[in-house]
Amino acid sequence: MPPGVVIGVLLVLVLSQLFYAFWPYARRSYLPALLLTGAGVLLGQGWDALGLPALRLGQANLLPAALFAMALQPLADRLPSVPLRFR
């Protein structure tokens, strides 16, 4: 497994926890924050694939990924919340 994938997954998990804990929206679940953070990190990796300037952490693009993830967080309230059921 490439190290950039591991760092990217860890970046998604850490950023989503931080956004969920500190973002000022009270009525939201963790899943939309996780999904939008993942989308933001993927957009940040696309930024890096285009060759635009970036702050890198190993093979993962750090700064644009975090900025895109933060820009997508206000959309978390607009996503439909689907209750998870485990059997």
N, C-alpha and C. Protein backbone atom coordinates (compact mmCIF):
# COMPACT_ATOMS: atom_id res chain seq x y z
N MET A 1 0.86 -1.16 0.00
CA MET A 1 0.00 0.00 0.00
C MET A 1 0.91 1.24 0.00
N PRO A 2 0.64 2.20 -0.89
CA PRO A 2 1.47 3.41 -0.92
C PRO A 2 1.31 4.24 0.34
N PRO A 3 2.40 4.84 0.80
CA PRO A 3 2.31 5.65 2.02
C PRO A 3 1.37 6.83 1.89
N GLY A 4 1.20 7.36 0.67
CA GLY A 4 0.28 8.49 0.48
C GLY A 4 -1.16 8.12 0.78
N VAL A 5 -1.54 6.88 0.53
CA VAL A 5 -2.90 6.43 0.83
C VAL A 5 -3.10 6.36 2.34
N VAL A 6 -2.12 5.83 3.04
CA VAL A 6 -2.22 5.74 4.50
C VAL A 6 -2.30 7.13 5.11
N ILE A 7 -1.45 8.03 4.65
CA ILE A 7 -1.48 9.39 5.17
C ILE A 7 -2.79 10.08 4.82
N GLY A 8 -3.30 9.84 3.62
CA GLY A 8 -4.59 10.43 3.22
C GLY A 8 -5.74 9.95 4.08
N VAL A 9 -5.77 8.66 4.37
CA VAL A 9 -6.84 8.12 5.23
C VAL A 9 -6.73 8.69 6.64
N LEU A 10 -5.52 8.76 7.16
CA LEU A 10 -5.34 9.35 8.49
C LEU A 10 -5.71 10.82 8.50
N LEU A 11 -5.41 11.54 7.42
CA LEU A 11 -5.77 12.94 7.31
C LEU A 11 -7.29 13.11 7.31
N VAL A 12 -7.99 12.25 6.60
CA VAL A 12 -9.46 12.30 6.59
C VAL A 12 -10.02 12.05 7.97
N LEU A 13 -9.51 11.04 8.66
CA LEU A 13 -10.03 10.72 9.99
C LEU A 13 -9.76 11.82 11.01
N VAL A 14 -8.56 12.37 10.99
CA VAL A 14 -8.22 13.43 11.95
C VAL A 14 -9.00 14.70 11.66
N LEU A 15 -9.04 15.11 10.39
CA LEU A 15 -9.77 16.34 10.04
C LEU A 15 -11.27 16.20 10.31
N SER A 16 -11.83 15.04 10.02
CA SER A 16 -13.27 14.88 10.25
C SER A 16 -13.60 14.95 11.74
N GLN A 17 -12.74 14.39 12.58
CA GLN A 17 -12.96 14.49 14.02
C GLN A 17 -12.86 15.94 14.50
N LEU A 18 -11.88 16.67 13.98
CA LEU A 18 -11.73 18.07 14.36
C LEU A 18 -12.91 18.92 13.88
N PHE A 19 -13.35 18.70 12.64
CA PHE A 19 -14.49 19.45 12.13
C PHE A 19 -15.77 19.11 12.89
N TYR A 20 -15.94 17.85 13.22
CA TYR A 20 -17.14 17.44 13.95
C TYR A 20 -17.15 18.03 15.36
N ALA A 21 -15.98 18.10 15.98
CA ALA A 21 -15.92 18.60 17.35
C ALA A 21 -16.01 20.12 17.44
N PHE A 22 -15.41 20.82 16.50
CA PHE A 22 -15.28 22.26 16.64
C PHE A 22 -16.11 23.09 15.67
N TRP A 23 -16.78 22.46 14.69
CA TRP A 23 -17.60 23.24 13.75
C TRP A 23 -18.87 23.66 14.46
N PRO A 24 -19.35 24.89 14.26
CA PRO A 24 -20.44 25.42 15.10
C PRO A 24 -21.84 24.92 14.79
N TYR A 25 -22.02 23.86 14.06
CA TYR A 25 -23.36 23.35 13.79
C TYR A 25 -23.70 22.26 14.80
N ALA A 26 -24.78 22.44 15.51
CA ALA A 26 -25.11 21.54 16.61
C ALA A 26 -25.84 20.28 16.14
N ARG A 27 -26.68 20.40 15.14
CA ARG A 27 -27.54 19.28 14.76
C ARG A 27 -26.98 18.54 13.55
N ARG A 28 -25.90 17.85 13.72
CA ARG A 28 -25.39 17.06 12.61
C ARG A 28 -24.72 15.81 13.16
N SER A 29 -24.75 14.79 12.34
CA SER A 29 -24.11 13.55 12.75
C SER A 29 -22.68 13.51 12.20
N TYR A 30 -21.96 12.50 12.58
CA TYR A 30 -20.56 12.39 12.20
C TYR A 30 -20.39 11.97 10.74
N LEU A 31 -21.31 11.17 10.22
CA LEU A 31 -21.17 10.63 8.87
C LEU A 31 -21.08 11.72 7.79
N PRO A 32 -21.95 12.75 7.79
CA PRO A 32 -21.77 13.80 6.78
C PRO A 32 -20.44 14.54 6.91
N ALA A 33 -19.97 14.75 8.12
CA ALA A 33 -18.67 15.39 8.31
C ALA A 33 -17.55 14.52 7.74
N LEU A 34 -17.66 13.22 7.94
CA LEU A 34 -16.66 12.29 7.42
C LEU A 34 -16.68 12.25 5.90
N LEU A 35 -17.88 12.18 5.31
CA LEU A 35 -17.99 12.11 3.86
C LEU A 35 -17.50 13.38 3.19
N LEU A 36 -17.86 14.53 3.73
CA LEU A 36 -17.42 15.79 3.13
C LEU A 36 -15.93 16.03 3.34
N THR A 37 -15.39 15.56 4.43
CA THR A 37 -13.95 15.66 4.63
C THR A 37 -13.21 14.77 3.63
N GLY A 38 -13.73 13.59 3.40
CA GLY A 38 -13.14 12.70 2.40
C GLY A 38 -13.20 13.31 1.00
N ALA A 39 -14.32 13.94 0.67
CA ALA A 39 -14.44 14.60 -0.63
C ALA A 39 -13.46 15.76 -0.75
N GLY A 40 -13.29 16.51 0.33
CA GLY A 40 -12.35 17.62 0.32
C GLY A 40 -10.91 17.16 0.15
N VAL A 41 -10.56 16.08 0.80
CA VAL A 41 -9.20 15.55 0.67
C VAL A 41 -8.98 15.02 -0.75
N LEU A 42 -9.99 14.40 -1.33
CA LEU A 42 -9.86 13.96 -2.73
C LEU A 42 -9.71 15.15 -3.67
N LEU A 43 -10.43 16.23 -3.43
CA LEU A 43 -10.25 17.43 -4.24
C LEU A 43 -8.85 18.01 -4.07
N GLY A 44 -8.33 17.94 -2.87
CA GLY A 44 -6.96 18.40 -2.62
C GLY A 44 -5.93 17.55 -3.35
N GLN A 45 -6.18 16.25 -3.43
CA GLN A 45 -5.27 15.39 -4.18
C GLN A 45 -5.37 15.67 -5.68
N GLY A 46 -6.56 16.02 -6.15
CA GLY A 46 -6.72 16.43 -7.54
C GLY A 46 -5.97 17.72 -7.83
N TRP A 47 -5.98 18.62 -6.85
CA TRP A 47 -5.21 19.87 -6.94
C TRP A 47 -3.73 19.54 -7.15
N ASP A 48 -3.25 18.58 -6.41
CA ASP A 48 -1.85 18.19 -6.51
C ASP A 48 -1.58 17.50 -7.84
N ALA A 49 -2.53 16.72 -8.34
CA ALA A 49 -2.36 16.02 -9.61
C ALA A 49 -2.28 17.01 -10.78
N LEU A 50 -2.92 18.17 -10.62
CA LEU A 50 -2.84 19.19 -11.67
C LEU A 50 -1.51 19.94 -11.63
N GLY A 51 -0.73 19.73 -10.60
CA GLY A 51 0.57 20.35 -10.49
C GLY A 51 0.54 21.75 -9.90
N LEU A 52 -0.53 22.10 -9.24
CA LEU A 52 -0.63 23.41 -8.61
C LEU A 52 0.15 23.41 -7.30
N PRO A 53 0.55 24.58 -6.81
CA PRO A 53 1.38 24.61 -5.60
C PRO A 53 0.65 24.05 -4.39
N ALA A 54 1.40 23.34 -3.57
CA ALA A 54 0.79 22.67 -2.43
C ALA A 54 1.81 22.46 -1.33
N LEU A 55 1.32 22.27 -0.13
CA LEU A 55 2.15 21.87 1.00
C LEU A 55 1.96 20.38 1.18
N ARG A 56 3.01 19.64 1.03
CA ARG A 56 2.92 18.18 1.02
C ARG A 56 3.37 17.59 2.35
N LEU A 57 2.76 16.48 2.71
CA LEU A 57 3.18 15.68 3.85
C LEU A 57 3.44 14.28 3.31
N GLY A 58 4.69 13.99 2.98
CA GLY A 58 5.00 12.74 2.31
C GLY A 58 4.44 12.77 0.90
N GLN A 59 3.62 11.81 0.55
CA GLN A 59 3.00 11.77 -0.76
C GLN A 59 1.62 12.41 -0.77
N ALA A 60 1.14 12.83 0.35
CA ALA A 60 -0.20 13.40 0.45
C ALA A 60 -0.13 14.92 0.43
N ASN A 61 -1.12 15.51 -0.19
CA ASN A 61 -1.23 16.96 -0.27
C ASN A 61 -1.98 17.43 0.97
N LEU A 62 -1.38 18.34 1.73
CA LEU A 62 -1.95 18.68 3.03
C LEU A 62 -2.80 19.95 3.01
N LEU A 63 -2.23 21.05 2.57
CA LEU A 63 -2.91 22.34 2.71
C LEU A 63 -4.16 22.47 1.84
N PRO A 64 -4.10 22.25 0.51
CA PRO A 64 -5.34 22.36 -0.26
C PRO A 64 -6.39 21.33 0.16
N ALA A 65 -5.95 20.15 0.60
CA ALA A 65 -6.91 19.14 1.05
C ALA A 65 -7.66 19.62 2.27
N ALA A 66 -6.96 20.20 3.22
CA ALA A 66 -7.62 20.72 4.43
C ALA A 66 -8.52 21.90 4.10
N LEU A 67 -8.09 22.76 3.18
CA LEU A 67 -8.92 23.92 2.80
C LEU A 67 -10.19 23.49 2.07
N PHE A 68 -10.08 22.52 1.15
CA PHE A 68 -11.27 22.03 0.47
C PHE A 68 -12.21 21.33 1.45
N ALA A 69 -11.67 20.56 2.38
CA ALA A 69 -12.50 19.88 3.37
C ALA A 69 -13.22 20.90 4.25
N MET A 70 -12.54 21.98 4.62
CA MET A 70 -13.17 23.01 5.44
C MET A 70 -14.24 23.76 4.64
N ALA A 71 -14.00 23.98 3.37
CA ALA A 71 -14.97 24.69 2.54
C ALA A 71 -16.24 23.88 2.32
N LEU A 72 -16.14 22.56 2.38
CA LEU A 72 -17.31 21.70 2.17
C LEU A 72 -18.13 21.47 3.44
N GLN A 73 -17.60 21.78 4.60
CA GLN A 73 -18.29 21.48 5.86
C GLN A 73 -19.66 22.17 6.01
N PRO A 74 -19.88 23.40 5.52
CA PRO A 74 -21.23 23.97 5.65
C PRO A 74 -22.31 23.18 4.91
N LEU A 75 -21.92 22.33 3.98
CA LEU A 75 -22.90 21.51 3.25
C LEU A 75 -23.37 20.30 4.06
N ALA A 76 -22.76 20.04 5.20
CA ALA A 76 -23.11 18.86 6.00
C ALA A 76 -24.56 18.91 6.49
N ASP A 77 -25.08 20.10 6.75
CA ASP A 77 -26.48 20.20 7.20
C ASP A 77 -27.47 19.93 6.08
N ARG A 78 -27.03 20.04 4.85
CA ARG A 78 -27.93 19.84 3.71
C ARG A 78 -27.98 18.41 3.23
N LEU A 79 -27.05 17.58 3.69
CA LEU A 79 -27.06 16.17 3.32
C LEU A 79 -28.16 15.45 4.09
N PRO A 80 -28.85 14.53 3.44
CA PRO A 80 -29.87 13.78 4.18
C PRO A 80 -29.21 12.86 5.20
N SER A 81 -29.76 12.83 6.37
CA SER A 81 -29.22 11.96 7.40
C SER A 81 -29.93 10.62 7.35
N VAL A 82 -29.16 9.59 7.17
CA VAL A 82 -29.68 8.23 7.09
C VAL A 82 -29.24 7.52 8.37
N PRO A 83 -30.20 7.05 9.15
CA PRO A 83 -29.80 6.35 10.38
C PRO A 83 -29.13 5.02 10.03
N LEU A 84 -28.04 4.74 10.72
CA LEU A 84 -27.34 3.49 10.52
C LEU A 84 -27.92 2.45 11.47
N ARG A 85 -28.19 1.28 10.93
CA ARG A 85 -28.72 0.20 11.75
C ARG A 85 -27.77 -0.98 11.65
N PHE A 86 -27.35 -1.44 12.77
CA PHE A 86 -26.48 -2.61 12.82
C PHE A 86 -27.26 -3.76 13.42
N ARG A 87 -27.18 -4.87 12.77
CA ARG A 87 -27.91 -6.06 13.25
C ARG A 87 -26.96 -7.11 13.70
